[in-house]
Amino acid sequence: MKIIKVKDAHQEFVNFLKGKKHSSATVLAYGKDIDQLTAFLGELEKEHIHDVNKDDIQAFLGALADKGYTPKSLSRKLNSTRTFYRFLKVNEFVTDDPSLLVSHPQYELAAPRILKPTEYRALRDAARNDARMYAIIELLLQTGIRIGELADVRTNDVQGDNISIVPHEKHEARIVPLNKSAKEALTRYLSIRPQIEDNHVFVTKSGKPFLVRNIRTAIERYFRIAGIENAKVNDLRHTFVAHHLKHGVSLVLLSKILGHKRLSTTERYLNYVQERAKDTSTLSEL
C-alpha cells in the first residue's frame, strides 16, 4: 500500500477525472464533494487517507445532514465518496473501502415533471419567431436527446431523416430519427444560420458554439415567457418519454433512442403513464 495524505489523494483523484475526459461539470461536482470530505477529515485531524474509517464517513454525512442537506444530496455525496475510494484502491492507496460499510439514506425519487400539451404548445408559440431557439426546443421535445448532446451536434451529423448522436459523457453513440416537426424546425434554422467554418449546428450570432449553460438559460427564459412554472430543460426529455410510452411505443425501441444504458431507466416512467396504448414501433409528434 502506498502512503498518501488526504489532500494529495483528493488532487490525484481530480487529475484522474480530468485525464479521463469527463465533462467539466462532472469533474466540478466530484471535486466539490470530495473537497467537502477532505475538509471534514481535516477537522478530525485525519492526515493520511488510510487512517479514515467507516465512522469518519458516517460522521461526514451526519454533519452534512445537520446543515440541511437532503437525503438525496447525501446519497450523491456517498456515491462520490465510493467513486473516490474505487480510485484509491485501484492505485493501491488503500486496501479496504470503508465507504461500502456506510448505507445510503432512504429517499423517494421525485416524479418527473411532464409538460401538458397546453404547456409545450405555449412554449412553441413563445419561441416561434426565434428560429434557433424554436429548433432547439423542437429537437429536445421531439427526439428526447440530452441538452449536452444537442450542443455537440455538428452539421454533418444531420443526415436526412436522422440525426447522429456522438458519444457524450460516457453515453454511447446512436442514431435518432427526426420527425416532420423537428426536421422542419431544423431546416428553417439552418437556412438562416451564420455561414462560418465552425460546424456546430447551434452557434451564437458571433459564430461561436452555443454552450450548454447558455442554451439552458435561453430555454428557461422562454419557459417564463410562456408562463410555464416549475419547469426545467430536462422536462422536455421527460415529456418525450411519457408521450411515447402513453402512445404504446416499444420500451426497447424508446430506450435505444434515449440512450438509456438500462431498460429499467425507461420502465420507471411507466409509473407516471396512467393509460398505455397497444405496443407499436411508430414514433408520433407531440
Protein backbone atom coordinates (compact mmCIF):
# COMPACT_ATOMS: atom_id res chain seq x y z
CA MET A 1 0.00 0.00 0.00
CA LYS A 2 1.23 3.48 -0.91
CA ILE A 3 1.06 6.14 1.79
CA ILE A 4 -0.64 9.38 0.74
CA LYS A 5 -2.11 12.37 2.54
CA VAL A 6 -5.82 13.05 2.25
CA LYS A 7 -5.39 16.38 0.44
CA ASP A 8 -2.93 14.83 -2.01
CA ALA A 9 -5.29 11.91 -2.68
CA HIS A 10 -8.01 14.44 -3.44
CA GLN A 11 -5.82 16.19 -6.02
CA GLU A 12 -4.77 12.88 -7.59
CA PHE A 13 -8.45 11.98 -7.95
CA VAL A 14 -9.31 15.28 -9.66
CA ASN A 15 -6.37 14.84 -12.06
CA PHE A 16 -7.59 11.32 -12.82
CA LEU A 17 -11.08 12.60 -13.71
CA LYS A 18 -9.66 15.27 -15.99
CA GLY A 19 -7.44 12.70 -17.67
CA LYS A 20 -10.47 10.53 -18.37
CA LYS A 21 -12.02 13.48 -20.24
CA HIS A 22 -15.07 13.70 -18.02
CA SER A 23 -17.16 16.82 -18.56
CA SER A 24 -16.16 19.92 -16.63
CA ALA A 25 -19.48 19.69 -14.75
CA THR A 26 -18.71 16.11 -13.64
CA VAL A 27 -15.18 17.00 -12.54
CA LEU A 28 -16.53 20.02 -10.66
CA ALA A 29 -19.27 18.00 -8.92
CA TYR A 30 -16.98 15.17 -7.80
CA GLY A 31 -14.25 17.64 -6.88
CA LYS A 32 -16.61 19.66 -4.69
CA ASP A 33 -17.97 16.56 -2.93
CA ILE A 34 -14.51 15.21 -2.15
CA ASP A 35 -13.32 18.69 -1.19
CA GLN A 36 -16.04 18.72 1.48
CA LEU A 37 -14.97 15.28 2.65
CA THR A 38 -11.34 16.36 2.74
CA ALA A 39 -12.18 19.47 4.79
CA PHE A 40 -14.18 17.39 7.27
CA LEU A 41 -11.39 14.84 7.64
CA GLY A 42 -9.05 17.76 8.33
CA GLU A 43 -11.31 18.79 11.22
CA LEU A 44 -10.97 15.23 12.53
CA GLU A 45 -7.19 15.55 12.14
CA LYS A 46 -7.07 12.59 9.78
CA GLU A 47 -3.95 13.37 7.76
CA HIS A 48 -3.50 10.14 5.77
CA ILE A 49 -6.23 8.51 3.71
CA HIS A 50 -5.55 5.01 5.10
CA ASP A 51 -6.46 6.30 8.59
CA VAL A 52 -10.06 7.05 7.54
CA ASN A 53 -12.71 4.54 8.65
CA LYS A 54 -16.43 3.90 8.35
CA ASP A 55 -17.30 6.05 11.38
CA ASP A 56 -15.50 9.03 9.84
CA ILE A 57 -17.52 8.81 6.63
CA GLN A 58 -20.73 8.29 8.59
CA ALA A 59 -19.89 11.35 10.69
CA PHE A 60 -19.25 13.34 7.49
CA LEU A 61 -22.74 12.55 6.19
CA GLY A 62 -24.23 13.30 9.60
CA ALA A 63 -22.56 16.71 9.66
CA LEU A 64 -23.99 17.50 6.23
CA ALA A 65 -27.45 16.38 7.35
CA ASP A 66 -27.20 18.77 10.30
CA LYS A 67 -26.51 21.56 7.80
CA GLY A 68 -29.75 20.81 5.98
CA TYR A 69 -28.61 18.56 3.13
CA THR A 70 -31.44 16.36 1.83
CA PRO A 71 -31.24 12.54 1.83
CA LYS A 72 -30.93 12.65 -1.96
CA SER A 73 -27.93 15.00 -1.72
CA LEU A 74 -26.35 12.83 0.97
CA SER A 75 -26.77 9.78 -1.23
CA ARG A 76 -24.98 11.59 -4.03
CA LYS A 77 -22.15 12.56 -1.67
CA LEU A 78 -21.79 8.91 -0.70
CA ASN A 79 -21.69 7.87 -4.35
CA SER A 80 -18.91 10.40 -4.94
CA THR A 81 -17.04 9.04 -1.93
CA ARG A 82 -17.35 5.48 -3.23
CA THR A 83 -16.05 6.56 -6.65
CA PHE A 84 -13.15 8.23 -4.85
CA TYR A 85 -12.39 5.03 -2.95
CA ARG A 86 -12.54 2.90 -6.09
CA PHE A 87 -9.82 5.15 -7.49
CA LEU A 88 -7.83 4.83 -4.25
CA LYS A 89 -8.00 1.02 -4.26
CA VAL A 90 -7.01 0.70 -7.92
CA ASN A 91 -3.99 2.90 -7.23
CA GLU A 92 -3.15 0.98 -4.03
CA PHE A 93 -3.55 3.97 -1.71
CA VAL A 94 -5.91 1.87 0.46
CA THR A 95 -6.57 -1.84 0.85
CA ASP A 96 -10.11 -1.58 2.22
CA ASP A 97 -13.07 0.61 1.26
CA PRO A 98 -14.88 1.90 4.38
CA SER A 99 -17.47 3.73 2.25
CA LEU A 100 -19.02 0.36 1.34
CA LEU A 101 -19.90 -0.13 5.01
CA VAL A 102 -22.00 3.06 5.05
CA SER A 103 -25.64 2.73 3.97
CA HIS A 104 -27.36 5.11 1.59
CA PRO A 105 -30.05 7.28 3.22
CA GLN A 106 -33.55 6.32 2.13
CA TYR A 107 -35.49 8.71 -0.09
CA GLU A 108 -38.09 8.61 -2.86
CA LEU A 109 -37.34 9.87 -6.34
CA ALA A 110 -39.47 12.86 -7.24
CA ALA A 111 -41.89 12.27 -10.08
CA PRO A 112 -40.59 13.69 -13.38
CA ARG A 113 -42.22 16.94 -14.49
CA ILE A 114 -44.18 16.11 -17.65
CA LEU A 115 -45.40 19.10 -19.62
CA LYS A 116 -49.07 19.27 -20.51
CA PRO A 117 -49.99 19.76 -24.19
CA THR A 118 -51.11 23.31 -23.39
CA GLU A 119 -47.69 23.98 -21.87
CA TYR A 120 -45.45 22.70 -24.63
CA ARG A 121 -47.67 24.39 -27.22
CA ALA A 122 -47.33 27.66 -25.32
CA LEU A 123 -43.54 27.15 -25.23
CA ARG A 124 -43.50 26.68 -29.00
CA ASP A 125 -45.60 29.79 -29.53
CA ALA A 126 -43.30 31.83 -27.30
CA ALA A 127 -40.23 30.85 -29.35
CA ARG A 128 -41.80 30.75 -32.80
CA ASN A 129 -40.16 33.98 -34.00
CA ASP A 130 -36.70 32.82 -32.88
CA ALA A 131 -35.69 30.18 -35.45
CA ARG A 132 -32.67 28.98 -33.48
CA MET A 133 -34.49 28.56 -30.15
CA TYR A 134 -37.56 27.11 -31.84
CA ALA A 135 -35.35 24.46 -33.48
CA ILE A 136 -33.62 23.72 -30.16
CA ILE A 137 -36.93 23.31 -28.33
CA GLU A 138 -38.37 21.11 -31.09
CA LEU A 139 -35.30 18.86 -31.16
CA LEU A 140 -35.32 18.37 -27.39
CA LEU A 141 -39.06 17.80 -27.33
CA GLN A 142 -39.37 15.64 -30.46
CA THR A 143 -36.23 13.50 -30.12
CA GLY A 144 -35.60 13.27 -26.35
CA ILE A 145 -31.87 13.92 -26.75
CA ARG A 146 -29.93 15.41 -23.85
CA ILE A 147 -29.04 19.10 -23.83
CA GLY A 148 -25.32 18.28 -23.86
CA GLU A 149 -25.83 16.04 -26.89
CA LEU A 150 -27.75 18.78 -28.66
CA ALA A 151 -24.95 21.30 -28.04
CA ASP A 152 -22.45 18.83 -29.57
CA VAL A 153 -24.41 18.16 -32.79
CA ARG A 154 -22.45 19.08 -35.93
CA THR A 155 -23.81 19.88 -39.38
CA ASN A 156 -22.58 16.57 -40.79
CA ASP A 157 -24.48 14.69 -38.05
CA VAL A 158 -27.78 15.69 -39.64
CA GLN A 159 -28.43 13.04 -42.26
CA GLY A 160 -31.83 13.13 -43.96
CA ASP A 161 -34.47 11.92 -41.53
CA ASN A 162 -31.95 11.03 -38.83
CA ILE A 163 -29.51 12.75 -36.55
CA SER A 164 -26.30 11.05 -35.44
CA ILE A 165 -25.55 11.48 -31.73
CA VAL A 166 -21.85 11.11 -30.95
CA PRO A 167 -20.62 9.57 -27.67
CA HIS A 168 -21.19 12.12 -24.90
CA GLU A 169 -20.06 11.85 -21.27
CA LYS A 170 -19.84 8.04 -21.46
CA HIS A 171 -23.20 7.74 -23.25
CA GLU A 172 -22.94 5.61 -26.39
CA ALA A 173 -23.36 6.87 -29.94
CA ARG A 174 -26.72 6.28 -31.56
CA ILE A 175 -28.97 7.30 -34.45
CA VAL A 176 -32.12 9.24 -33.54
CA PRO A 177 -34.97 9.72 -36.03
CA LEU A 178 -36.20 13.20 -36.89
CA ASN A 179 -39.95 13.53 -37.31
CA LYS A 180 -41.55 16.08 -39.61
CA SER A 181 -41.85 18.80 -36.97
CA ALA A 182 -38.23 18.52 -35.81
CA LYS A 183 -36.89 18.34 -39.37
CA GLU A 184 -38.85 21.41 -40.50
CA ALA A 185 -37.71 23.44 -37.49
CA LEU A 186 -34.09 22.42 -38.02
CA THR A 187 -34.22 23.14 -41.77
CA ARG A 188 -35.68 26.58 -41.09
CA TYR A 189 -32.89 27.42 -38.66
CA LEU A 190 -30.11 26.09 -40.90
CA SER A 191 -31.33 28.35 -43.71
CA ILE A 192 -30.52 31.44 -41.62
CA ARG A 193 -27.59 30.04 -39.62
CA PRO A 194 -24.39 32.14 -39.92
CA GLN A 195 -22.12 30.82 -42.69
CA ILE A 196 -19.00 30.04 -40.65
CA GLU A 197 -16.22 27.46 -40.50
CA ASP A 198 -17.30 26.05 -37.13
CA ASN A 199 -19.54 23.07 -37.83
CA HIS A 200 -21.60 23.06 -34.64
CA VAL A 201 -25.24 23.20 -35.69
CA PHE A 202 -26.18 25.67 -32.98
CA VAL A 203 -23.98 28.74 -32.82
CA THR A 204 -24.20 32.28 -31.50
CA LYS A 205 -24.60 35.37 -33.69
CA SER A 206 -20.84 35.83 -33.46
CA GLY A 207 -20.28 32.31 -34.83
CA LYS A 208 -19.18 30.60 -31.62
CA PRO A 209 -20.67 27.30 -30.37
CA PHE A 210 -23.88 27.80 -28.38
CA LEU A 211 -22.82 26.46 -24.96
CA VAL A 212 -24.98 24.24 -22.76
CA ARG A 213 -25.28 26.82 -19.98
CA ASN A 214 -26.42 29.47 -22.46
CA ILE A 215 -28.89 27.12 -24.12
CA ARG A 216 -30.31 26.27 -20.70
CA THR A 217 -30.65 29.94 -19.78
CA ALA A 218 -32.38 30.72 -23.08
CA ILE A 219 -34.91 27.89 -22.70
CA GLU A 220 -35.66 28.88 -19.12
CA ARG A 221 -36.35 32.41 -20.40
CA TYR A 222 -38.92 31.03 -22.84
CA PHE A 223 -40.49 28.97 -20.06
CA ARG A 224 -41.07 32.25 -18.22
CA ILE A 225 -42.40 34.00 -21.34
CA ALA A 226 -44.81 31.09 -21.90
CA GLY A 227 -45.96 31.25 -18.27
CA ILE A 228 -44.79 27.70 -17.51
CA GLU A 229 -43.89 27.39 -13.84
CA ASN A 230 -41.50 24.98 -12.10
CA ALA A 231 -40.18 23.59 -15.38
CA LYS A 232 -36.61 22.71 -16.31
CA VAL A 233 -34.89 21.88 -19.58
CA ASN A 234 -34.79 18.14 -18.83
CA ASP A 235 -38.59 18.18 -18.55
CA LEU A 236 -38.68 18.29 -22.37
CA ARG A 237 -36.96 14.88 -22.35
CA HIS A 238 -39.36 13.62 -19.65
CA THR A 239 -42.28 14.77 -21.79
CA PHE A 240 -40.91 12.96 -24.85
CA VAL A 241 -40.62 9.70 -22.90
CA ALA A 242 -44.07 9.92 -21.28
CA HIS A 243 -45.79 10.86 -24.54
CA HIS A 244 -44.40 7.89 -26.46
CA LEU A 245 -44.97 5.41 -23.67
CA LYS A 246 -48.57 6.56 -23.47
CA HIS A 247 -48.93 6.01 -27.20
CA GLY A 248 -47.60 2.47 -26.96
CA VAL A 249 -44.08 2.79 -28.34
CA SER A 250 -41.93 -0.25 -27.55
CA LEU A 251 -39.88 0.14 -24.37
CA VAL A 252 -36.85 -1.40 -26.09
CA LEU A 253 -37.07 0.99 -29.06
CA LEU A 254 -37.60 4.01 -26.82
CA SER A 255 -34.70 3.03 -24.56
CA LYS A 256 -32.36 2.82 -27.57
CA ILE A 257 -33.47 6.22 -28.89
CA LEU A 258 -32.97 7.81 -25.48
CA GLY A 259 -29.56 6.23 -25.00
CA HIS A 260 -30.52 4.63 -21.67
CA LYS A 261 -27.96 2.07 -20.55
CA ARG A 262 -30.63 0.09 -18.69
CA LEU A 263 -34.16 -0.73 -19.77
CA SER A 264 -35.25 -0.22 -16.16
CA THR A 265 -34.47 3.50 -16.51
CA THR A 266 -37.11 3.75 -19.23
CA GLU A 267 -39.52 1.44 -17.42
CA ARG A 268 -39.74 3.71 -14.36
CA TYR A 269 -41.65 6.23 -16.46
CA LEU A 270 -44.49 3.71 -16.72
CA ASN A 271 -45.43 4.69 -13.15
CA TYR A 272 -46.39 8.12 -14.47
CA VAL A 273 -48.35 6.99 -17.52
CA GLN A 274 -51.90 6.17 -16.50
CA GLU A 275 -53.02 4.50 -19.71
CA ARG A 276 -50.88 2.85 -22.35
CA ALA A 277 -51.93 2.04 -25.88
CA LYS A 278 -51.16 -1.23 -27.62
CA ASP A 279 -47.45 -1.61 -28.39
CA THR A 280 -46.30 -0.02 -31.63
CA SER A 281 -42.94 0.85 -33.17
CA THR A 282 -44.10 4.19 -34.55
CA LEU A 283 -42.96 7.48 -33.02
CA SER A 284 -45.53 10.25 -33.10
CA GLU A 285 -45.20 14.02 -32.96
CA LEU A 286 -46.09 15.96 -29.86
